N, C-alpha and C. Protein backbone atom coordinates (compact mmCIF):
# COMPACT_ATOMS: atom_id res chain seq x y z
N UNK A 1 -64.43 104.03 32.62
CA UNK A 1 -63.78 102.96 31.84
C UNK A 1 -63.16 101.87 32.73
N UNK A 2 -62.63 102.27 33.88
CA UNK A 2 -61.99 101.28 34.76
C UNK A 2 -63.01 100.30 35.35
N UNK A 3 -64.25 100.73 35.48
CA UNK A 3 -65.29 99.89 36.08
C UNK A 3 -66.26 99.31 35.05
N UNK A 4 -65.99 99.51 33.81
CA UNK A 4 -66.89 99.05 32.74
C UNK A 4 -67.17 97.55 32.82
N UNK A 5 -66.16 96.76 33.11
CA UNK A 5 -66.34 95.31 33.20
C UNK A 5 -67.31 94.92 34.32
N UNK A 6 -67.33 95.69 35.40
CA UNK A 6 -68.24 95.41 36.51
C UNK A 6 -69.68 95.69 36.10
N UNK A 7 -69.90 96.81 35.48
CA UNK A 7 -71.25 97.19 35.05
C UNK A 7 -71.76 96.26 33.97
N UNK A 8 -70.92 95.90 33.03
CA UNK A 8 -71.35 95.03 31.93
C UNK A 8 -71.65 93.61 32.36
N UNK A 9 -71.03 93.14 33.42
CA UNK A 9 -71.29 91.77 33.89
C UNK A 9 -72.14 91.75 35.15
N UNK A 10 -72.77 92.86 35.46
CA UNK A 10 -73.58 92.97 36.68
C UNK A 10 -74.74 91.99 36.70
N UNK A 11 -75.34 91.70 35.57
CA UNK A 11 -76.52 90.83 35.53
C UNK A 11 -76.19 89.35 35.66
N UNK A 12 -74.94 88.98 35.64
CA UNK A 12 -74.60 87.56 35.66
C UNK A 12 -74.87 86.89 37.01
N UNK A 13 -74.99 87.64 38.08
CA UNK A 13 -75.20 87.04 39.40
C UNK A 13 -76.59 87.31 39.96
N UNK A 14 -77.54 87.60 39.09
CA UNK A 14 -78.88 87.93 39.52
C UNK A 14 -79.90 87.10 38.76
N UNK A 15 -81.08 86.97 39.33
CA UNK A 15 -82.19 86.32 38.65
C UNK A 15 -82.87 87.35 37.78
N UNK A 16 -83.05 87.02 36.50
CA UNK A 16 -83.68 87.96 35.58
C UNK A 16 -85.13 87.55 35.35
N UNK A 17 -86.02 88.53 35.25
CA UNK A 17 -87.39 88.27 34.87
C UNK A 17 -87.99 89.54 34.30
N UNK A 18 -89.05 89.37 33.54
CA UNK A 18 -89.71 90.49 32.91
C UNK A 18 -90.53 91.27 33.94
N UNK A 19 -90.43 92.57 33.88
CA UNK A 19 -91.20 93.41 34.78
C UNK A 19 -92.70 93.19 34.58
N UNK A 20 -93.10 92.96 33.34
CA UNK A 20 -94.51 92.73 33.04
C UNK A 20 -95.03 91.49 33.79
N UNK A 21 -94.22 90.44 33.85
CA UNK A 21 -94.62 89.23 34.57
C UNK A 21 -94.85 89.53 36.05
N UNK A 22 -93.95 90.29 36.62
CA UNK A 22 -94.01 90.59 38.05
C UNK A 22 -95.18 91.51 38.40
N UNK A 23 -95.47 92.47 37.56
CA UNK A 23 -96.53 93.43 37.88
C UNK A 23 -97.92 92.82 37.78
N UNK A 24 -98.05 91.68 37.11
CA UNK A 24 -99.36 91.02 37.02
C UNK A 24 -99.70 90.25 38.30
N UNK A 25 -98.73 90.01 39.13
CA UNK A 25 -98.97 89.30 40.38
C UNK A 25 -99.53 90.26 41.41
N UNK A 26 -100.49 89.80 42.17
CA UNK A 26 -101.19 90.68 43.11
C UNK A 26 -100.62 90.65 44.53
N UNK A 27 -100.46 89.47 45.08
CA UNK A 27 -100.08 89.39 46.49
C UNK A 27 -98.57 89.40 46.68
N UNK A 28 -98.17 89.79 47.86
CA UNK A 28 -96.75 89.80 48.22
C UNK A 28 -96.21 88.38 48.21
N UNK A 29 -97.01 87.43 48.68
CA UNK A 29 -96.58 86.04 48.71
C UNK A 29 -96.32 85.50 47.31
N UNK A 30 -97.20 85.84 46.37
CA UNK A 30 -97.01 85.34 45.01
C UNK A 30 -95.76 85.96 44.38
N UNK A 31 -95.46 87.20 44.71
CA UNK A 31 -94.25 87.84 44.18
C UNK A 31 -93.00 87.20 44.78
N UNK A 32 -93.02 86.91 46.07
CA UNK A 32 -91.88 86.21 46.68
C UNK A 32 -91.70 84.83 46.05
N UNK A 33 -92.79 84.12 45.90
CA UNK A 33 -92.73 82.78 45.33
C UNK A 33 -92.24 82.82 43.89
N UNK A 34 -92.69 83.79 43.14
CA UNK A 34 -92.25 83.96 41.75
C UNK A 34 -90.73 84.11 41.69
N UNK A 35 -90.18 84.94 42.56
CA UNK A 35 -88.72 85.15 42.57
C UNK A 35 -87.99 83.85 42.90
N UNK A 36 -88.50 83.11 43.88
CA UNK A 36 -87.87 81.85 44.27
C UNK A 36 -87.90 80.86 43.11
N UNK A 37 -89.06 80.72 42.49
CA UNK A 37 -89.19 79.75 41.40
C UNK A 37 -88.36 80.13 40.18
N UNK A 38 -88.23 81.41 39.91
CA UNK A 38 -87.39 81.87 38.80
C UNK A 38 -85.93 81.49 39.01
N UNK A 39 -85.50 81.47 40.25
CA UNK A 39 -84.11 81.10 40.54
C UNK A 39 -83.83 79.64 40.16
N UNK A 40 -84.86 78.82 40.22
CA UNK A 40 -84.69 77.39 39.99
C UNK A 40 -85.31 76.91 38.67
N UNK A 41 -85.56 77.82 37.76
CA UNK A 41 -86.25 77.44 36.52
C UNK A 41 -85.42 76.47 35.67
N UNK A 42 -84.11 76.50 35.80
CA UNK A 42 -83.27 75.61 35.00
C UNK A 42 -83.23 74.19 35.55
N UNK A 43 -83.42 74.04 36.85
CA UNK A 43 -83.43 72.70 37.43
C UNK A 43 -84.82 72.08 37.35
N UNK A 44 -85.84 72.92 37.31
CA UNK A 44 -87.20 72.42 37.19
C UNK A 44 -87.89 72.17 38.52
N UNK A 45 -87.16 72.28 39.61
CA UNK A 45 -87.78 72.08 40.92
C UNK A 45 -86.94 72.77 41.99
N UNK A 46 -87.57 72.98 43.13
CA UNK A 46 -86.87 73.50 44.30
C UNK A 46 -87.37 72.71 45.50
N UNK A 47 -86.45 72.33 46.36
CA UNK A 47 -86.80 71.58 47.57
C UNK A 47 -86.18 72.31 48.74
N UNK A 48 -87.04 72.84 49.62
CA UNK A 48 -86.57 73.57 50.79
C UNK A 48 -87.36 73.13 52.01
N UNK A 49 -86.77 73.30 53.16
CA UNK A 49 -87.45 72.96 54.41
C UNK A 49 -88.53 73.99 54.68
N UNK A 50 -89.54 73.59 55.41
CA UNK A 50 -90.69 74.46 55.67
C UNK A 50 -90.27 75.72 56.42
N UNK A 51 -89.31 75.62 57.32
CA UNK A 51 -88.84 76.81 58.05
C UNK A 51 -88.19 77.80 57.09
N UNK A 52 -87.41 77.29 56.16
CA UNK A 52 -86.77 78.15 55.17
C UNK A 52 -87.83 78.76 54.25
N UNK A 53 -88.82 77.97 53.88
CA UNK A 53 -89.93 78.45 53.05
C UNK A 53 -90.65 79.61 53.73
N UNK A 54 -90.95 79.44 55.00
CA UNK A 54 -91.64 80.48 55.76
C UNK A 54 -90.79 81.75 55.85
N UNK A 55 -89.49 81.56 56.03
CA UNK A 55 -88.59 82.71 56.13
C UNK A 55 -88.49 83.45 54.80
N UNK A 56 -88.32 82.71 53.73
CA UNK A 56 -88.18 83.34 52.41
C UNK A 56 -89.43 84.11 51.99
N UNK A 57 -90.58 83.63 52.41
CA UNK A 57 -91.83 84.29 52.05
C UNK A 57 -92.29 85.29 53.12
N UNK A 58 -91.50 85.44 54.16
CA UNK A 58 -91.86 86.34 55.27
C UNK A 58 -93.22 86.01 55.86
N UNK A 59 -93.46 84.73 56.06
CA UNK A 59 -94.72 84.28 56.65
C UNK A 59 -94.62 84.41 58.16
N UNK A 60 -95.55 85.10 58.78
CA UNK A 60 -95.48 85.28 60.23
C UNK A 60 -95.54 83.95 60.98
N UNK A 61 -94.87 83.89 62.10
CA UNK A 61 -94.87 82.67 62.92
C UNK A 61 -96.27 82.33 63.42
N UNK A 62 -97.11 83.34 63.52
CA UNK A 62 -98.47 83.11 64.01
C UNK A 62 -99.34 82.36 62.99
N UNK A 63 -98.92 82.32 61.73
CA UNK A 63 -99.68 81.60 60.70
C UNK A 63 -99.50 80.11 60.88
N UNK A 64 -100.61 79.39 60.95
CA UNK A 64 -100.57 77.94 60.98
C UNK A 64 -100.48 77.43 59.55
N UNK A 65 -100.19 76.16 59.38
CA UNK A 65 -100.09 75.60 58.03
C UNK A 65 -101.39 75.77 57.24
N UNK A 66 -102.51 75.70 57.92
CA UNK A 66 -103.79 75.87 57.21
C UNK A 66 -103.91 77.29 56.64
N UNK A 67 -103.36 78.28 57.34
CA UNK A 67 -103.37 79.65 56.82
C UNK A 67 -102.52 79.76 55.57
N UNK A 68 -101.36 79.09 55.58
CA UNK A 68 -100.46 79.11 54.42
C UNK A 68 -101.15 78.47 53.22
N UNK A 69 -101.79 77.35 53.45
CA UNK A 69 -102.49 76.65 52.36
C UNK A 69 -103.62 77.50 51.77
N UNK A 70 -104.29 78.27 52.61
CA UNK A 70 -105.37 79.13 52.13
C UNK A 70 -104.86 80.25 51.25
N UNK A 71 -103.72 80.79 51.59
CA UNK A 71 -103.16 81.91 50.84
C UNK A 71 -102.50 81.45 49.57
């Protein structure tokens, strides 16, 4: 009972999405991108630097931009 308020408001600081939506995605990159885009669905866009983009998607440094575009 003392922690009920914490458990009941736990979802307020997280991005929510349907499990069904996530399980239909095949690649790790698409799942990472899906999470990022869901965070910004209310603004309608996200603008990040390429280095941050690479980090968020766990893209190896050895990948050139052409590799990213292919994937």
